[in-house]
Amino acid sequence: LPPYSPELNPVEHVWEYLRENAFKNFSLNSLDEVVDILSDGLNFLSNQPEIVRSMTNFDWLNTLCLTCN
């Protein structure tokens, strides 16, 4: 496998979304702040399935999941 292949690991798109949206343009002073912001971002995404689906809905993955059932 290539060293960086986000198409093979869909959660990479979720982390990218969090980096670009939840952690954008400010510095953090403590690990507690990181945890709070990460929790807020993940809670937001858990209520937005269409956003998560758009980042992780690859045709090849759907096909693979169907063949595993």
C-alpha atoms as a PDB file:
ATOM      1  CA  LEU A   1       0.000   0.000   0.000  1.00  0.00           C
ATOM      2  CA  PRO A   2       1.108   3.574  -0.551  1.00  0.00           C
ATOM      3  CA  PRO A   3       2.248   5.384   2.618  1.00  0.00           C
ATOM      4  CA  TYR A   4      -0.683   7.808   2.484  1.00  0.00           C
ATOM      5  CA  SER A   5      -3.857   6.596   0.842  1.00  0.00           C
ATOM      6  CA  PRO A   6      -6.954   8.235   2.367  1.00  0.00           C
ATOM      7  CA  GLU A   7      -9.196   6.498  -0.156  1.00  0.00           C
ATOM      8  CA  LEU A   8      -8.290   3.224   1.562  1.00  0.00           C
ATOM      9  CA  ASN A   9      -8.983   4.655   5.012  1.00  0.00           C
ATOM     10  CA  PRO A  10     -12.177   6.776   4.894  1.00  0.00           C
ATOM     11  CA  VAL A  11     -11.783   8.021   8.472  1.00  0.00           C
ATOM     12  CA  GLU A  12      -8.885  10.153   7.172  1.00  0.00           C
ATOM     13  CA  HIS A  13     -11.527  12.402   5.592  1.00  0.00           C
ATOM     14  CA  VAL A  14     -13.268  12.772   8.951  1.00  0.00           C
ATOM     15  CA  TRP A  15      -9.990  13.820  10.615  1.00  0.00           C
ATOM     16  CA  GLU A  16      -9.329  16.260   7.771  1.00  0.00           C
ATOM     17  CA  TYR A  17     -12.789  17.785   8.244  1.00  0.00           C
ATOM     18  CA  LEU A  18     -12.163  18.209  11.977  1.00  0.00           C
ATOM     19  CA  ARG A  19      -8.734  19.770  11.388  1.00  0.00           C
ATOM     20  CA  GLU A  20     -10.145  22.235   8.859  1.00  0.00           C
ATOM     21  CA  ASN A  21     -13.301  23.132  10.775  1.00  0.00           C
ATOM     22  CA  ALA A  22     -13.045  22.455  14.505  1.00  0.00           C
ATOM     23  CA  PHE A  23      -9.347  23.295  14.960  1.00  0.00           C
ATOM     24  CA  LYS A  24      -9.095  26.122  12.463  1.00  0.00           C
ATOM     25  CA  ASN A  25      -6.913  29.210  13.017  1.00  0.00           C
ATOM     26  CA  PHE A  26      -6.226  29.244  16.723  1.00  0.00           C
ATOM     27  CA  SER A  27      -3.783  27.805  19.208  1.00  0.00           C
ATOM     28  CA  LEU A  28      -4.693  25.649  22.141  1.00  0.00           C
ATOM     29  CA  ASN A  29      -3.304  26.117  25.623  1.00  0.00           C
ATOM     30  CA  SER A  30      -3.977  22.700  27.112  1.00  0.00           C
ATOM     31  CA  LEU A  31      -4.838  19.120  26.341  1.00  0.00           C
ATOM     32  CA  ASP A  32      -8.233  19.738  27.934  1.00  0.00           C
ATOM     33  CA  GLU A  33      -8.960  22.322  25.230  1.00  0.00           C
ATOM     34  CA  VAL A  34      -8.029  19.791  22.552  1.00  0.00           C
ATOM     35  CA  VAL A  35     -10.335  17.203  24.102  1.00  0.00           C
ATOM     36  CA  ASP A  36     -13.200  19.715  24.398  1.00  0.00           C
ATOM     37  CA  ILE A  37     -12.905  20.887  20.791  1.00  0.00           C
ATOM     38  CA  LEU A  38     -12.527  17.354  19.477  1.00  0.00           C
ATOM     39  CA  SER A  39     -15.572  16.242  21.472  1.00  0.00           C
ATOM     40  CA  ASP A  40     -17.615  19.162  20.143  1.00  0.00           C
ATOM     41  CA  GLY A  41     -16.551  18.393  16.573  1.00  0.00           C
ATOM     42  CA  LEU A  42     -17.359  14.692  16.877  1.00  0.00           C
ATOM     43  CA  ASN A  43     -20.709  15.470  18.510  1.00  0.00           C
ATOM     44  CA  PHE A  44     -21.510  17.824  15.647  1.00  0.00           C
ATOM     45  CA  LEU A  45     -20.637  15.158  13.075  1.00  0.00           C
ATOM     46  CA  SER A  46     -22.668  12.519  14.902  1.00  0.00           C
ATOM     47  CA  ASN A  47     -25.729  14.711  14.301  1.00  0.00           C
ATOM     48  CA  GLN A  48     -24.833  15.330  10.637  1.00  0.00           C
ATOM     49  CA  PRO A  49     -24.841  11.897   8.957  1.00  0.00           C
ATOM     50  CA  GLU A  50     -25.052  13.444   5.493  1.00  0.00           C
ATOM     51  CA  ILE A  51     -21.699  15.183   6.008  1.00  0.00           C
ATOM     52  CA  VAL A  52     -20.056  11.976   7.233  1.00  0.00           C
ATOM     53  CA  ARG A  53     -21.626  10.024   4.372  1.00  0.00           C
ATOM     54  CA  SER A  54     -20.273  12.508   1.837  1.00  0.00           C
ATOM     55  CA  MET A  55     -16.758  12.031   3.220  1.00  0.00           C
ATOM     56  CA  THR A  56     -16.837   8.249   3.455  1.00  0.00           C
ATOM     57  CA  ASN A  57     -19.301   7.021   0.832  1.00  0.00           C
ATOM     58  CA  PHE A  58     -17.016   5.414  -1.731  1.00  0.00           C
ATOM     59  CA  ASP A  59     -18.551   3.139  -4.360  1.00  0.00           C
ATOM     60  CA  TRP A  60     -15.834   0.542  -3.906  1.00  0.00           C
ATOM     61  CA  LEU A  61     -16.428   0.473  -0.150  1.00  0.00           C
ATOM     62  CA  ASN A  62     -20.174  -0.019  -0.553  1.00  0.00           C
ATOM     63  CA  THR A  63     -19.531  -2.877  -2.966  1.00  0.00           C
ATOM     64  CA  LEU A  64     -17.051  -4.450  -0.582  1.00  0.00           C
ATOM     65  CA  CYS A  65     -19.468  -4.192   2.342  1.00  0.00           C
ATOM     66  CA  LEU A  66     -22.257  -5.791   0.309  1.00  0.00           C
ATOM     67  CA  THR A  67     -20.047  -8.708  -0.682  1.00  0.00           C
ATOM     68  CA  CYS A  68     -19.065  -9.302   2.958  1.00  0.00           C
ATOM     69  CA  ASN A  69     -22.668  -9.781   4.082  1.00  0.00           C
END
